[in-house]
Amino acid sequence: MSAAKPGPMGGPSAEGSGPQAGALAESPAPLRDPAALAHVREVVSRSGTSFLAGMRVLAKPQREAMYAIYAFCREVDDIADEPGDRQAKLAELDEWRGEIERLYRSQPRHPIARALAGPVCDYDLPKAEFLALIDGMEMDLRGAVRAPSLEELALYCRRVAGAVGMLSIRIFGETGPAGQDLALALGEALQLTNILRDLAEDARRGRLYLPREILARHGVTARDPAAVLTDPGLADACAELAERARAGFLRARRLLAECERRRVRPAIVMLEAYERILHRLEARGWDRPEVPVRLSRLEKLWIALRHSRL
């Protein structure tokens, strides 16, 4: 599952319950490494991600900072998602924890961490959010999100989506309470939409993110992901989770009214793109999770262009 599935709305934070925004205690020297920046640009360009369209509306320094954030997310997400020995993967995540510590001591080694050095300094990015994202990937590896409780799902969303939102909103420059609430509300809505979109893909990995309380309400007792996808109660369970996602998008729209819209244009682009995906999932029907739903490259570009001059 993508880490951008890029936090619960006003829900738990990510450490203990989670990190607080603005918790940065250390800051690296402003390292600027052209080779590292080229590396993260390449990661983004070959990904084909919807994220790219949203970032086109940013000024170059912000865009470069977001590319570094995305590359980090992709790196740790791939550790969790690619085949391999679980203990080796957990060790890789631990190495990334160490790399984040080195980053905040001005000693980054990895190209992605070196690309992050400037943005961490420029935008006062909290170390705790990077570590929270790694913790979310560890939840995947340890099987903590197979039919999780609603509370466990909220924590997972806070770590993998809320953390990205809290880092991004600082780069956008909307650092007040409304901006932080927007980051969490939108992050959760995006994550829930990704969960609904990727049901079949996640099942092939042995993962099931639909919360157990919702499954139980609709008579789904199986916990094997493949069995859940063929259960007659699946459609109603998905419809209920879709309502939660839609409520998140609605709250995000309300919070946008409290923000400077020019600063949060990338968030608006992502909101509109993912609302479209959710609508198409509902139109396709929840009984056909193997049928993919995507936006075309042209659609993504059109949404970005609509908001490029807000």
C-alpha atoms as a PDB file:
ATOM      1  CA  MET A   1       0.000   0.000   0.000  1.00  0.00           C
ATOM      2  CA  SER A   2       1.336   3.376  -0.978  1.00  0.00           C
ATOM      3  CA  ALA A   3       2.477   5.579   1.827  1.00  0.00           C
ATOM      4  CA  ALA A   4       0.591   8.380   0.163  1.00  0.00           C
ATOM      5  CA  LYS A   5      -2.573   6.565   1.015  1.00  0.00           C
ATOM      6  CA  PRO A   6      -0.451   9.483   0.763  1.00  0.00           C
ATOM      7  CA  GLY A   7      -4.377  10.811   9.691  1.00  0.00           C
ATOM      8  CA  PRO A   8      -7.600  10.680  11.419  1.00  0.00           C
ATOM      9  CA  MET A   9      -9.641  13.848  11.609  1.00  0.00           C
ATOM     10  CA  GLY A  10      -8.551  15.349  14.879  1.00  0.00           C
ATOM     11  CA  GLY A  11      -7.632  11.810  15.923  1.00  0.00           C
ATOM     12  CA  PRO A  12      -4.549  10.364  17.576  1.00  0.00           C
ATOM     13  CA  SER A  13      -1.119  11.598  16.770  1.00  0.00           C
ATOM     14  CA  ALA A  14       1.530   9.162  15.690  1.00  0.00           C
ATOM     15  CA  GLU A  15       3.917   8.569  18.538  1.00  0.00           C
ATOM     16  CA  GLY A  16       2.587   6.921  21.647  1.00  0.00           C
ATOM     17  CA  SER A  17      -0.439   8.127  19.959  1.00  0.00           C
ATOM     18  CA  GLY A  18       1.992  10.105  17.751  1.00  0.00           C
ATOM     19  CA  PRO A  19       4.247  13.094  17.023  1.00  0.00           C
ATOM     20  CA  GLN A  20       3.124  16.630  17.325  1.00  0.00           C
ATOM     21  CA  ALA A  21       3.656  19.058  14.470  1.00  0.00           C
ATOM     22  CA  GLY A  22       6.496  21.462  15.131  1.00  0.00           C
ATOM     23  CA  ALA A  23       8.326  18.952  17.330  1.00  0.00           C
ATOM     24  CA  LEU A  24      11.637  19.565  15.572  1.00  0.00           C
ATOM     25  CA  ALA A  25      14.402  19.728  18.146  1.00  0.00           C
ATOM     26  CA  GLU A  26      17.402  19.473  15.844  1.00  0.00           C
ATOM     27  CA  SER A  27      18.065  20.863  12.387  1.00  0.00           C
ATOM     28  CA  PRO A  28      20.761  19.934   9.874  1.00  0.00           C
ATOM     29  CA  ALA A  29      23.048  22.338   8.113  1.00  0.00           C
ATOM     30  CA  PRO A  30      21.534  23.393   4.775  1.00  0.00           C
ATOM     31  CA  LEU A  31      23.267  20.817   2.589  1.00  0.00           C
ATOM     32  CA  ARG A  32      22.536  21.269  -1.155  1.00  0.00           C
ATOM     33  CA  ASP A  33      23.523  18.241  -3.212  1.00  0.00           C
ATOM     34  CA  PRO A  34      22.691  18.527  -6.957  1.00  0.00           C
ATOM     35  CA  ALA A  35      23.171  14.780  -7.509  1.00  0.00           C
ATOM     36  CA  ALA A  36      20.777  13.989  -4.672  1.00  0.00           C
ATOM     37  CA  LEU A  37      18.191  16.397  -6.068  1.00  0.00           C
ATOM     38  CA  ALA A  38      18.523  14.783  -9.491  1.00  0.00           C
ATOM     39  CA  HIS A  39      18.003  11.379  -7.873  1.00  0.00           C
ATOM     40  CA  VAL A  40      14.707  12.328  -6.223  1.00  0.00           C
ATOM     41  CA  ARG A  41      13.455  14.002  -9.405  1.00  0.00           C
ATOM     42  CA  GLU A  42      14.079  10.741 -11.222  1.00  0.00           C
ATOM     43  CA  VAL A  43      12.210   8.770  -8.531  1.00  0.00           C
ATOM     44  CA  VAL A  44       9.170  10.999  -8.968  1.00  0.00           C
ATOM     45  CA  SER A  45       9.234  11.112 -12.779  1.00  0.00           C
ATOM     46  CA  ARG A  46       9.363   7.345 -13.203  1.00  0.00           C
ATOM     47  CA  SER A  47       6.650   6.702 -10.615  1.00  0.00           C
ATOM     48  CA  GLY A  48       3.683   7.907 -12.664  1.00  0.00           C
ATOM     49  CA  THR A  49       2.091   9.089  -9.424  1.00  0.00           C
ATOM     50  CA  SER A  50      -0.947  11.380  -9.116  1.00  0.00           C
ATOM     51  CA  PHE A  51       1.238  13.290  -6.670  1.00  0.00           C
ATOM     52  CA  LEU A  52       3.221  14.757  -9.582  1.00  0.00           C
ATOM     53  CA  ALA A  53       0.258  16.709 -10.946  1.00  0.00           C
ATOM     54  CA  GLY A  54      -0.413  18.274  -7.565  1.00  0.00           C
ATOM     55  CA  MET A  55       3.169  19.436  -7.219  1.00  0.00           C
ATOM     56  CA  ARG A  56       3.245  21.198 -10.588  1.00  0.00           C
ATOM     57  CA  VAL A  57       1.432  24.171  -9.061  1.00  0.00           C
ATOM     58  CA  LEU A  58       4.246  24.867  -6.557  1.00  0.00           C
ATOM     59  CA  ALA A  59       7.198  27.219  -6.896  1.00  0.00           C
ATOM     60  CA  LYS A  60      10.426  25.386  -7.694  1.00  0.00           C
ATOM     61  CA  PRO A  61      11.943  25.339  -4.154  1.00  0.00           C
ATOM     62  CA  GLN A  62       8.726  23.908  -2.712  1.00  0.00           C
ATOM     63  CA  ARG A  63       8.394  21.466  -5.589  1.00  0.00           C
ATOM     64  CA  GLU A  64      11.934  20.197  -5.055  1.00  0.00           C
ATOM     65  CA  ALA A  65      11.228  19.789  -1.342  1.00  0.00           C
ATOM     66  CA  MET A  66       8.080  17.788  -2.079  1.00  0.00           C
ATOM     67  CA  TYR A  67       9.984  15.580  -4.526  1.00  0.00           C
ATOM     68  CA  ALA A  68      12.378  14.697  -1.707  1.00  0.00           C
ATOM     69  CA  ILE A  69       9.435  13.912   0.605  1.00  0.00           C
ATOM     70  CA  TYR A  70       7.852  11.711  -2.044  1.00  0.00           C
ATOM     71  CA  ALA A  71      11.101   9.860  -2.726  1.00  0.00           C
ATOM     72  CA  PHE A  72      11.453   9.100   0.987  1.00  0.00           C
ATOM     73  CA  CYS A  73       7.867   7.834   1.130  1.00  0.00           C
ATOM     74  CA  ARG A  74       8.437   5.667  -1.931  1.00  0.00           C
ATOM     75  CA  GLU A  75      11.653   4.241  -0.504  1.00  0.00           C
ATOM     76  CA  VAL A  76      10.171   3.076   2.793  1.00  0.00           C
ATOM     77  CA  ASP A  77       6.908   1.998   1.148  1.00  0.00           C
ATOM     78  CA  ASP A  78       8.839  -0.241  -1.246  1.00  0.00           C
ATOM     79  CA  ILE A  79      10.617  -1.857   1.691  1.00  0.00           C
ATOM     80  CA  ALA A  80       7.231  -2.831   3.115  1.00  0.00           C
ATOM     81  CA  ASP A  81       5.638  -3.855  -0.193  1.00  0.00           C
ATOM     82  CA  GLU A  82       8.324  -5.640  -2.185  1.00  0.00           C
ATOM     83  CA  PRO A  83       8.868  -9.415  -1.723  1.00  0.00           C
ATOM     84  CA  GLY A  84      11.587 -10.462   0.687  1.00  0.00           C
ATOM     85  CA  ASP A  85      12.467 -11.715   4.131  1.00  0.00           C
ATOM     86  CA  ARG A  86      10.487  -9.887   6.815  1.00  0.00           C
ATOM     87  CA  GLN A  87      13.372  -9.642   9.271  1.00  0.00           C
ATOM     88  CA  ALA A  88      15.609  -8.203   6.578  1.00  0.00           C
ATOM     89  CA  LYS A  89      12.939  -5.634   5.770  1.00  0.00           C
ATOM     90  CA  LEU A  90      12.543  -4.682   9.417  1.00  0.00           C
ATOM     91  CA  ALA A  91      16.311  -4.207   9.537  1.00  0.00           C
ATOM     92  CA  GLU A  92      16.080  -1.911   6.492  1.00  0.00           C
ATOM     93  CA  LEU A  93      13.458   0.188   8.235  1.00  0.00           C
ATOM     94  CA  ASP A  94      15.727   0.390  11.284  1.00  0.00           C
ATOM     95  CA  GLU A  95      18.530   1.562   9.022  1.00  0.00           C
ATOM     96  CA  TRP A  96      16.243   4.322   7.782  1.00  0.00           C
ATOM     97  CA  ARG A  97      15.528   5.334  11.360  1.00  0.00           C
ATOM     98  CA  GLY A  98      19.257   5.656  11.776  1.00  0.00           C
ATOM     99  CA  GLU A  99      19.519   7.617   8.538  1.00  0.00           C
ATOM    100  CA  ILE A 100      16.894  10.092   9.761  1.00  0.00           C
ATOM    101  CA  GLU A 101      18.894  10.532  12.964  1.00  0.00           C
ATOM    102  CA  ARG A 102      22.005  11.176  10.859  1.00  0.00           C
ATOM    103  CA  LEU A 103      20.052  13.655   8.739  1.00  0.00           C
ATOM    104  CA  TYR A 104      19.189  15.676  11.826  1.00  0.00           C
ATOM    105  CA  ARG A 105      22.846  15.588  12.895  1.00  0.00           C
ATOM    106  CA  SER A 106      23.877  16.984   9.475  1.00  0.00           C
ATOM    107  CA  GLN A 107      25.427  13.643   8.471  1.00  0.00           C
ATOM    108  CA  PRO A 108      23.052  12.129   5.868  1.00  0.00           C
ATOM    109  CA  ARG A 109      24.482   9.398   3.643  1.00  0.00           C
ATOM    110  CA  HIS A 110      21.647   8.204   1.430  1.00  0.00           C
ATOM    111  CA  PRO A 111      20.867  10.386  -1.644  1.00  0.00           C
ATOM    112  CA  ILE A 112      17.259  10.803  -0.528  1.00  0.00           C
ATOM    113  CA  ALA A 113      18.294  11.900   2.944  1.00  0.00           C
ATOM    114  CA  ARG A 114      20.812  14.290   1.394  1.00  0.00           C
ATOM    115  CA  ALA A 115      18.022  15.738  -0.765  1.00  0.00           C
ATOM    116  CA  LEU A 116      15.913  16.183   2.372  1.00  0.00           C
ATOM    117  CA  ALA A 117      18.605  18.155   4.212  1.00  0.00           C
ATOM    118  CA  GLY A 118      17.750  21.495   2.612  1.00  0.00           C
ATOM    119  CA  PRO A 119      13.962  21.168   3.038  1.00  0.00           C
ATOM    120  CA  VAL A 120      14.298  20.061   6.679  1.00  0.00           C
ATOM    121  CA  CYS A 121      16.259  23.238   7.376  1.00  0.00           C
ATOM    122  CA  ASP A 122      14.207  25.550   5.151  1.00  0.00           C
ATOM    123  CA  TYR A 123      10.776  24.442   6.357  1.00  0.00           C
ATOM    124  CA  ASP A 124      11.555  23.249   9.896  1.00  0.00           C
ATOM    125  CA  LEU A 125      10.267  19.742   9.158  1.00  0.00           C
ATOM    126  CA  PRO A 126       9.672  17.655  12.305  1.00  0.00           C
ATOM    127  CA  LYS A 127      11.854  14.573  12.658  1.00  0.00           C
ATOM    128  CA  ALA A 128       9.016  12.783  14.446  1.00  0.00           C
ATOM    129  CA  GLU A 129       6.894  12.767  11.286  1.00  0.00           C
ATOM    130  CA  PHE A 130       9.561  10.935   9.276  1.00  0.00           C
ATOM    131  CA  LEU A 131       9.873   8.384  12.072  1.00  0.00           C
ATOM    132  CA  ALA A 132       6.082   8.019  12.265  1.00  0.00           C
ATOM    133  CA  LEU A 133       5.960   7.100   8.578  1.00  0.00           C
ATOM    134  CA  ILE A 134       8.580   4.401   9.140  1.00  0.00           C
ATOM    135  CA  ASP A 135       6.501   3.120  12.065  1.00  0.00           C
ATOM    136  CA  GLY A 136       3.505   2.861   9.724  1.00  0.00           C
ATOM    137  CA  MET A 137       5.507   0.748   7.309  1.00  0.00           C
ATOM    138  CA  GLU A 138       6.500  -1.478  10.214  1.00  0.00           C
ATOM    139  CA  MET A 139       2.815  -1.987  11.016  1.00  0.00           C
ATOM    140  CA  ASP A 140       2.411  -3.394   7.501  1.00  0.00           C
ATOM    141  CA  LEU A 141       5.371  -5.727   7.885  1.00  0.00           C
ATOM    142  CA  ARG A 142       4.204  -7.017  11.262  1.00  0.00           C
ATOM    143  CA  GLY A 143       0.679  -7.710  10.010  1.00  0.00           C
ATOM    144  CA  ALA A 144      -0.867  -5.194  12.369  1.00  0.00           C
ATOM    145  CA  VAL A 145      -3.396  -4.006   9.794  1.00  0.00           C
ATOM    146  CA  ARG A 146      -5.201  -7.212   8.768  1.00  0.00           C
ATOM    147  CA  ALA A 147      -8.836  -6.345   9.546  1.00  0.00           C
ATOM    148  CA  PRO A 148      -7.624  -3.801  12.116  1.00  0.00           C
ATOM    149  CA  SER A 149      -9.824  -2.197  14.710  1.00  0.00           C
ATOM    150  CA  LEU A 150     -11.035   1.309  13.882  1.00  0.00           C
ATOM    151  CA  GLU A 151      -8.534   2.615  16.434  1.00  0.00           C
ATOM    152  CA  GLU A 152      -5.669   0.688  14.814  1.00  0.00           C
ATOM    153  CA  LEU A 153      -6.702   1.910  11.370  1.00  0.00           C
ATOM    154  CA  ALA A 154      -6.767   5.499  12.668  1.00  0.00           C
ATOM    155  CA  LEU A 155      -3.241   5.111  14.012  1.00  0.00           C
ATOM    156  CA  TYR A 156      -2.060   3.559  10.746  1.00  0.00           C
ATOM    157  CA  CYS A 157      -3.611   6.409   8.742  1.00  0.00           C
ATOM    158  CA  ARG A 158      -2.041   8.969  11.067  1.00  0.00           C
ATOM    159  CA  ARG A 159       1.371   7.436  10.562  1.00  0.00           C
ATOM    160  CA  VAL A 160       1.387   6.822   6.826  1.00  0.00           C
ATOM    161  CA  ALA A 161      -0.870   9.625   5.567  1.00  0.00           C
ATOM    162  CA  GLY A 162      -1.050  12.131   8.391  1.00  0.00           C
ATOM    163  CA  ALA A 163       2.738  12.272   8.627  1.00  0.00           C
ATOM    164  CA  VAL A 164       3.023  13.061   4.924  1.00  0.00           C
ATOM    165  CA  GLY A 165       0.348  15.724   5.265  1.00  0.00           C
ATOM    166  CA  MET A 166       2.018  17.332   8.264  1.00  0.00           C
ATOM    167  CA  LEU A 167       5.331  17.524   6.411  1.00  0.00           C
ATOM    168  CA  SER A 168       3.681  18.805   3.236  1.00  0.00           C
ATOM    169  CA  ILE A 169       1.639  21.545   4.880  1.00  0.00           C
ATOM    170  CA  ARG A 170       4.826  23.083   6.280  1.00  0.00           C
ATOM    171  CA  ILE A 171       6.336  23.169   2.814  1.00  0.00           C
ATOM    172  CA  PHE A 172       3.156  24.784   1.482  1.00  0.00           C
ATOM    173  CA  GLY A 173       3.525  27.484   4.155  1.00  0.00           C
ATOM    174  CA  GLU A 174       0.137  26.965   5.836  1.00  0.00           C
ATOM    175  CA  THR A 175       1.415  26.112   9.308  1.00  0.00           C
ATOM    176  CA  GLY A 176      -1.442  27.352  11.516  1.00  0.00           C
ATOM    177  CA  PRO A 177      -4.057  25.154  13.227  1.00  0.00           C
ATOM    178  CA  ALA A 178      -6.358  25.113  10.180  1.00  0.00           C
ATOM    179  CA  GLY A 179      -3.518  23.938   7.957  1.00  0.00           C
ATOM    180  CA  GLN A 180      -2.586  21.151  10.345  1.00  0.00           C
ATOM    181  CA  ASP A 181      -6.224  20.047  10.675  1.00  0.00           C
ATOM    182  CA  LEU A 182      -6.491  20.093   6.882  1.00  0.00           C
ATOM    183  CA  ALA A 183      -3.399  17.896   6.574  1.00  0.00           C
ATOM    184  CA  LEU A 184      -4.908  15.287   8.905  1.00  0.00           C
ATOM    185  CA  ALA A 185      -8.447  15.350   7.514  1.00  0.00           C
ATOM    186  CA  LEU A 186      -7.329  15.162   3.903  1.00  0.00           C
ATOM    187  CA  GLY A 187      -4.651  12.594   4.689  1.00  0.00           C
ATOM    188  CA  GLU A 188      -7.213  10.232   6.181  1.00  0.00           C
ATOM    189  CA  ALA A 189      -9.639  10.712   3.286  1.00  0.00           C
ATOM    190  CA  LEU A 190      -6.901  10.003   0.731  1.00  0.00           C
ATOM    191  CA  GLN A 191      -5.786   6.929   2.654  1.00  0.00           C
ATOM    192  CA  LEU A 192      -9.276   5.486   2.947  1.00  0.00           C
ATOM    193  CA  THR A 193      -9.813   6.048  -0.773  1.00  0.00           C
ATOM    194  CA  ASN A 194      -6.576   4.237  -1.530  1.00  0.00           C
ATOM    195  CA  ILE A 195      -7.648   1.356   0.711  1.00  0.00           C
ATOM    196  CA  LEU A 196     -10.909   1.029  -1.219  1.00  0.00           C
ATOM    197  CA  ARG A 197      -9.149   1.358  -4.571  1.00  0.00           C
ATOM    198  CA  ASP A 198      -6.463  -1.222  -3.788  1.00  0.00           C
ATOM    199  CA  LEU A 199      -8.527  -3.985  -2.159  1.00  0.00           C
ATOM    200  CA  ALA A 200      -7.510  -6.645  -4.687  1.00  0.00           C
ATOM    201  CA  GLU A 201      -3.840  -5.612  -4.815  1.00  0.00           C
ATOM    202  CA  ASP A 202      -3.593  -5.592  -1.041  1.00  0.00           C
ATOM    203  CA  ALA A 203      -5.331  -8.977  -0.789  1.00  0.00           C
ATOM    204  CA  ARG A 204      -2.655 -10.484  -3.019  1.00  0.00           C
ATOM    205  CA  ARG A 205      -0.139  -9.312  -0.412  1.00  0.00           C
ATOM    206  CA  GLY A 206      -2.189 -10.879   2.355  1.00  0.00           C
ATOM    207  CA  ARG A 207      -3.395  -7.506   3.614  1.00  0.00           C
ATOM    208  CA  LEU A 208      -6.876  -6.378   4.569  1.00  0.00           C
ATOM    209  CA  TYR A 209      -7.364  -2.794   5.749  1.00  0.00           C
ATOM    210  CA  LEU A 210     -11.163  -2.882   6.137  1.00  0.00           C
ATOM    211  CA  PRO A 211     -11.818  -2.425   9.873  1.00  0.00           C
ATOM    212  CA  ARG A 212     -13.200  -5.386  11.772  1.00  0.00           C
ATOM    213  CA  GLU A 213     -16.062  -3.421  13.329  1.00  0.00           C
ATOM    214  CA  ILE A 214     -17.384  -2.445   9.900  1.00  0.00           C
ATOM    215  CA  LEU A 215     -16.951  -5.972   8.567  1.00  0.00           C
ATOM    216  CA  ALA A 216     -18.852  -7.375  11.565  1.00  0.00           C
ATOM    217  CA  ARG A 217     -21.722  -4.907  11.082  1.00  0.00           C
ATOM    218  CA  HIS A 218     -22.248  -6.319   7.605  1.00  0.00           C
ATOM    219  CA  GLY A 219     -21.914  -9.975   8.486  1.00  0.00           C
ATOM    220  CA  VAL A 220     -18.376 -10.498   7.190  1.00  0.00           C
ATOM    221  CA  THR A 221     -16.670 -12.931   9.552  1.00  0.00           C
ATOM    222  CA  ALA A 222     -13.767 -14.093   7.357  1.00  0.00           C
ATOM    223  CA  ARG A 223     -10.329 -12.599   7.951  1.00  0.00           C
ATOM    224  CA  ASP A 224      -8.574 -14.123   4.953  1.00  0.00           C
ATOM    225  CA  PRO A 225      -8.349 -11.213   2.487  1.00  0.00           C
ATOM    226  CA  ALA A 226      -9.285 -13.295  -0.567  1.00  0.00           C
ATOM    227  CA  ALA A 227     -12.345 -14.704   1.226  1.00  0.00           C
ATOM    228  CA  VAL A 228     -13.477 -11.245   2.295  1.00  0.00           C
ATOM    229  CA  LEU A 229     -13.396 -10.048  -1.325  1.00  0.00           C
ATOM    230  CA  THR A 230     -15.984 -12.682  -2.290  1.00  0.00           C
ATOM    231  CA  ASP A 231     -18.211 -12.220   0.757  1.00  0.00           C
ATOM    232  CA  PRO A 232     -21.751 -10.943   0.042  1.00  0.00           C
ATOM    233  CA  GLY A 233     -21.336  -8.341   2.793  1.00  0.00           C
ATOM    234  CA  LEU A 234     -18.279  -6.740   1.164  1.00  0.00           C
ATOM    235  CA  ALA A 235     -20.217  -4.136  -0.822  1.00  0.00           C
ATOM    236  CA  ASP A 236     -22.011  -2.748   2.227  1.00  0.00           C
ATOM    237  CA  ALA A 237     -18.791  -2.712   4.256  1.00  0.00           C
ATOM    238  CA  CYS A 238     -17.010  -0.794   1.506  1.00  0.00           C
ATOM    239  CA  ALA A 239     -19.916   1.620   1.183  1.00  0.00           C
ATOM    240  CA  GLU A 240     -19.658   2.432   4.887  1.00  0.00           C
ATOM    241  CA  LEU A 241     -15.921   3.075   4.662  1.00  0.00           C
ATOM    242  CA  ALA A 242     -16.524   5.196   1.554  1.00  0.00           C
ATOM    243  CA  GLU A 243     -18.892   7.365   3.615  1.00  0.00           C
ATOM    244  CA  ARG A 244     -16.056   7.946   6.080  1.00  0.00           C
ATOM    245  CA  ALA A 245     -13.777   8.965   3.224  1.00  0.00           C
ATOM    246  CA  ARG A 246     -16.418  11.304   1.834  1.00  0.00           C
ATOM    247  CA  ALA A 247     -16.874  12.884   5.270  1.00  0.00           C
ATOM    248  CA  GLY A 248     -13.124  13.459   5.379  1.00  0.00           C
ATOM    249  CA  PHE A 249     -13.168  15.210   2.017  1.00  0.00           C
ATOM    250  CA  LEU A 250     -16.078  17.378   3.196  1.00  0.00           C
ATOM    251  CA  ARG A 251     -14.220  18.377   6.355  1.00  0.00           C
ATOM    252  CA  ALA A 252     -11.112  19.122   4.280  1.00  0.00           C
ATOM    253  CA  ARG A 253     -13.158  21.422   2.038  1.00  0.00           C
ATOM    254  CA  ARG A 254     -14.465  23.287   5.072  1.00  0.00           C
ATOM    255  CA  LEU A 255     -10.935  23.687   6.427  1.00  0.00           C
ATOM    256  CA  LEU A 256      -9.741  25.017   3.059  1.00  0.00           C
ATOM    257  CA  ALA A 257     -11.968  28.034   3.655  1.00  0.00           C
ATOM    258  CA  GLU A 258      -9.819  28.862   6.705  1.00  0.00           C
ATOM    259  CA  CYS A 259      -6.540  28.624   4.751  1.00  0.00           C
ATOM    260  CA  GLU A 260      -4.877  30.839   2.183  1.00  0.00           C
ATOM    261  CA  ARG A 261      -5.969  29.021  -0.965  1.00  0.00           C
ATOM    262  CA  ARG A 262      -2.875  29.892  -2.983  1.00  0.00           C
ATOM    263  CA  ARG A 263      -0.740  28.144  -0.385  1.00  0.00           C
ATOM    264  CA  VAL A 264      -2.787  24.949  -0.383  1.00  0.00           C
ATOM    265  CA  ARG A 265      -3.275  24.519  -4.130  1.00  0.00           C
ATOM    266  CA  PRO A 266      -1.546  21.109  -4.130  1.00  0.00           C
ATOM    267  CA  ALA A 267      -3.956  19.917  -1.442  1.00  0.00           C
ATOM    268  CA  ILE A 268      -6.902  21.117  -3.534  1.00  0.00           C
ATOM    269  CA  VAL A 269      -5.546  19.235  -6.565  1.00  0.00           C
ATOM    270  CA  MET A 270      -5.157  16.018  -4.556  1.00  0.00           C
ATOM    271  CA  LEU A 271      -8.612  16.427  -3.018  1.00  0.00           C
ATOM    272  CA  GLU A 272     -10.288  16.843  -6.394  1.00  0.00           C
ATOM    273  CA  ALA A 273      -8.377  13.944  -7.954  1.00  0.00           C
ATOM    274  CA  TYR A 274      -9.179  11.547  -5.129  1.00  0.00           C
ATOM    275  CA  GLU A 275     -12.821  12.583  -4.899  1.00  0.00           C
ATOM    276  CA  ARG A 276     -13.068  11.615  -8.559  1.00  0.00           C
ATOM    277  CA  ILE A 277     -11.477   8.253  -7.837  1.00  0.00           C
ATOM    278  CA  LEU A 278     -13.910   7.627  -4.976  1.00  0.00           C
ATOM    279  CA  HIS A 279     -16.875   8.541  -7.190  1.00  0.00           C
ATOM    280  CA  ARG A 280     -15.678   6.142  -9.888  1.00  0.00           C
ATOM    281  CA  LEU A 281     -15.176   3.352  -7.373  1.00  0.00           C
ATOM    282  CA  GLU A 282     -18.767   3.811  -6.245  1.00  0.00           C
ATOM    283  CA  ALA A 283     -19.982   3.862  -9.862  1.00  0.00           C
ATOM    284  CA  ARG A 284     -18.008   0.680 -10.660  1.00  0.00           C
ATOM    285  CA  GLY A 285     -19.517  -1.087  -7.655  1.00  0.00           C
ATOM    286  CA  TRP A 286     -17.872  -2.716  -4.640  1.00  0.00           C
ATOM    287  CA  ASP A 287     -18.493  -6.266  -5.858  1.00  0.00           C
ATOM    288  CA  ARG A 288     -15.778  -5.966  -8.531  1.00  0.00           C
ATOM    289  CA  PRO A 289     -12.650  -4.964  -6.592  1.00  0.00           C
ATOM    290  CA  GLU A 290     -10.361  -6.500  -9.227  1.00  0.00           C
ATOM    291  CA  VAL A 291     -11.488  -3.952 -11.856  1.00  0.00           C
ATOM    292  CA  PRO A 292      -8.979  -1.086 -11.654  1.00  0.00           C
ATOM    293  CA  VAL A 293     -10.028   2.541 -11.287  1.00  0.00           C
ATOM    294  CA  ARG A 294      -7.528   5.233 -12.252  1.00  0.00           C
ATOM    295  CA  LEU A 295      -7.406   8.780 -13.547  1.00  0.00           C
ATOM    296  CA  SER A 296      -5.772   9.351 -16.895  1.00  0.00           C
ATOM    297  CA  ARG A 297      -2.630  11.455 -17.175  1.00  0.00           C
ATOM    298  CA  LEU A 298      -4.679  14.058 -19.077  1.00  0.00           C
ATOM    299  CA  GLU A 299      -7.258  14.269 -16.281  1.00  0.00           C
ATOM    300  CA  LYS A 300      -4.541  14.769 -13.672  1.00  0.00           C
ATOM    301  CA  LEU A 301      -2.963  17.510 -15.771  1.00  0.00           C
ATOM    302  CA  TRP A 302      -6.321  19.231 -16.324  1.00  0.00           C
ATOM    303  CA  ILE A 303      -7.072  19.284 -12.589  1.00  0.00           C
ATOM    304  CA  ALA A 304      -3.622  20.726 -11.898  1.00  0.00           C
ATOM    305  CA  LEU A 305      -4.005  23.402 -14.578  1.00  0.00           C
ATOM    306  CA  ARG A 306      -7.400  24.454 -13.208  1.00  0.00           C
ATOM    307  CA  HIS A 307      -5.759  25.343  -9.914  1.00  0.00           C
ATOM    308  CA  SER A 308      -2.452  26.689 -11.165  1.00  0.00           C
ATOM    309  CA  ARG A 309      -3.595  30.326 -10.960  1.00  0.00           C
ATOM    310  CA  LEU A 310      -5.752  30.391  -7.824  1.00  0.00           C
END
